[in-house]
């Protein structure tokens, strides 16, 4: 029997690969989708590069490159903060808002593929156990 950690890593890898293929339809990567979702889910918050680095658990330099590619695609605007010139605030463009539905559709397709052979009871158990494992590691 394989160790849990290896199975979790395999699931993460296969999930991201498949999700990236699904997101290609709208010209996004998994990481770009996560940035857009984070900004969408926090409409009242000023989102900075640092916030994105923390949310995605990536290095600042990686965040800068990610945002640069997103700017080139016309998905985000990066604006110097008026109150703190060292900070850059990140805003969604109309284009990003327009593809939100397609992004959500891709997420739903992927999540349904993960549990397609599960019974309703197994889906509930899987969800509960995933959250329980996450909580265990937070302690």
Protein backbone atom coordinates (compact mmCIF):
# COMPACT_ATOMS: atom_id res chain seq x y z
CA UNK A 1 0.00 0.00 0.00
CA UNK A 2 1.36 3.43 -0.96
CA UNK A 3 1.84 6.06 1.70
CA UNK A 4 -0.86 8.71 2.07
CA UNK A 5 1.54 11.51 1.22
CA UNK A 6 2.46 9.92 -2.10
CA UNK A 7 -1.20 9.37 -3.00
CA UNK A 8 -2.08 12.96 -2.08
CA UNK A 9 0.82 14.24 -4.21
CA UNK A 10 -0.30 12.05 -7.14
CA UNK A 11 -3.88 13.30 -6.84
CA UNK A 12 -2.66 16.91 -6.75
CA UNK A 13 -0.49 16.40 -9.84
CA UNK A 14 -3.15 14.63 -11.91
CA UNK A 15 -5.83 17.11 -10.80
CA UNK A 16 -3.71 20.12 -11.84
CA UNK A 17 -2.75 18.53 -15.17
CA UNK A 18 -6.36 17.78 -16.03
CA UNK A 19 -7.58 21.14 -14.77
CA UNK A 20 -4.96 22.96 -16.85
CA UNK A 21 -6.23 21.09 -19.93
CA UNK A 22 -9.78 22.13 -19.09
CA UNK A 23 -8.75 25.76 -18.53
CA UNK A 24 -6.91 25.93 -21.87
CA UNK A 25 -10.33 26.56 -23.45
CA UNK A 26 -10.32 30.03 -21.87
CA UNK A 27 -6.57 30.59 -22.06
CA UNK A 28 -5.84 30.14 -18.35
CA UNK A 29 -3.58 28.03 -16.18
CA UNK A 30 -4.51 26.58 -12.80
CA UNK A 31 -2.41 29.23 -11.01
CA UNK A 32 -3.99 32.07 -12.99
CA UNK A 33 -7.44 30.72 -12.16
CA UNK A 34 -6.53 30.66 -8.48
CA UNK A 35 -5.47 34.33 -8.63
CA UNK A 36 -8.72 35.32 -10.35
CA UNK A 37 -10.81 33.33 -7.85
CA UNK A 38 -8.96 34.89 -4.91
CA UNK A 39 -9.60 38.41 -6.19
CA UNK A 40 -13.23 37.60 -7.04
CA UNK A 41 -13.85 36.05 -3.62
CA UNK A 42 -12.54 39.16 -1.80
CA UNK A 43 -14.25 42.11 -3.52
CA UNK A 44 -13.98 44.46 -0.53
CA UNK A 45 -10.29 43.79 0.06
CA UNK A 46 -7.36 45.59 -1.54
CA UNK A 47 -5.46 42.64 -3.03
CA UNK A 48 -1.69 43.12 -3.21
CA UNK A 49 1.07 41.05 -4.76
CA UNK A 50 1.97 39.93 -1.25
CA UNK A 51 -1.59 38.73 -0.61
CA UNK A 52 -1.44 36.63 -3.78
CA UNK A 53 1.96 35.19 -2.81
CA UNK A 54 0.56 34.21 0.59
CA UNK A 55 -2.69 32.78 -0.79
CA UNK A 56 -0.97 30.65 -3.45
CA UNK A 57 2.02 29.90 -1.18
CA UNK A 58 4.52 30.99 -3.83
CA UNK A 59 7.61 33.20 -3.85
CA UNK A 60 7.30 36.93 -4.55
CA UNK A 61 9.32 36.57 -7.77
CA UNK A 62 6.97 33.84 -8.98
CA UNK A 63 3.99 36.08 -8.23
CA UNK A 64 5.50 38.92 -10.25
CA UNK A 65 5.96 36.65 -13.27
CA UNK A 66 2.47 35.21 -12.90
CA UNK A 67 0.89 38.67 -12.74
CA UNK A 68 2.98 39.88 -15.67
CA UNK A 69 1.62 37.07 -17.86
CA UNK A 70 -1.89 37.82 -16.63
CA UNK A 71 -1.45 41.50 -17.51
CA UNK A 72 -0.25 40.52 -20.99
CA UNK A 73 -3.43 38.47 -21.41
CA UNK A 74 -5.50 41.46 -20.29
CA UNK A 75 -6.83 39.74 -17.15
CA UNK A 76 -5.53 42.02 -14.40
CA UNK A 77 -4.38 45.57 -13.82
CA UNK A 78 -1.51 46.25 -11.42
CA UNK A 79 -1.74 49.69 -9.83
CA UNK A 80 0.63 51.40 -7.41
CA UNK A 81 -1.16 51.97 -4.09
CA UNK A 82 -1.78 55.68 -3.44
CA UNK A 83 -1.26 55.30 0.31
CA UNK A 84 1.84 53.10 0.12
CA UNK A 85 3.86 53.45 -3.08
CA UNK A 86 5.77 50.24 -2.30
CA UNK A 87 2.56 48.20 -2.68
CA UNK A 88 0.91 47.12 -5.93
CA UNK A 89 -2.83 46.53 -5.89
CA UNK A 90 -4.27 43.96 -8.27
CA UNK A 91 -7.62 44.44 -10.02
CA UNK A 92 -9.59 42.25 -12.40
CA UNK A 93 -10.32 43.54 -15.88
CA UNK A 94 -13.63 43.20 -17.69
CA UNK A 95 -12.10 40.33 -19.68
CA UNK A 96 -11.37 38.41 -16.45
CA UNK A 97 -14.87 39.05 -15.17
CA UNK A 98 -16.32 37.82 -18.47
CA UNK A 99 -14.53 34.45 -18.29
CA UNK A 100 -15.57 33.82 -14.69
CA UNK A 101 -18.51 31.64 -15.78
CA UNK A 102 -16.24 29.47 -17.96
CA UNK A 103 -13.76 29.17 -15.09
CA UNK A 104 -16.49 28.01 -12.76
CA UNK A 105 -17.75 25.54 -15.35
CA UNK A 106 -14.23 24.09 -15.63
CA UNK A 107 -14.03 23.72 -11.86
CA UNK A 108 -17.38 21.92 -11.76
CA UNK A 109 -16.30 19.55 -14.55
CA UNK A 110 -13.07 18.71 -12.74
CA UNK A 111 -14.69 18.17 -9.37
CA UNK A 112 -17.32 15.90 -10.89
CA UNK A 113 -14.60 13.88 -12.64
CA UNK A 114 -12.75 13.34 -9.35
CA UNK A 115 -15.80 11.75 -7.71
CA UNK A 116 -17.61 10.35 -10.78
CA UNK A 117 -17.55 6.74 -9.54
CA UNK A 118 -18.42 7.68 -5.93
CA UNK A 119 -21.81 7.15 -4.36
CA UNK A 120 -23.40 10.17 -2.67
CA UNK A 121 -22.34 8.74 0.69
CA UNK A 122 -18.74 8.28 -0.53
CA UNK A 123 -18.69 11.87 -1.80
CA UNK A 124 -19.74 13.15 1.63
CA UNK A 125 -17.19 10.91 3.36
CA UNK A 126 -14.41 11.96 0.96
CA UNK A 127 -15.18 15.66 1.56
CA UNK A 128 -15.33 15.17 5.33
CA UNK A 129 -12.07 13.19 5.44
CA UNK A 130 -10.20 15.68 3.24
CA UNK A 131 -11.18 18.49 5.60
CA UNK A 132 -10.36 16.38 8.64
CA UNK A 133 -6.86 15.63 7.25
CA UNK A 134 -6.30 19.34 6.58
CA UNK A 135 -7.41 20.19 10.12
CA UNK A 136 -5.10 17.51 11.56
CA UNK A 137 -2.09 19.09 9.86
CA UNK A 138 -3.00 22.59 11.07
CA UNK A 139 -2.59 21.53 14.71
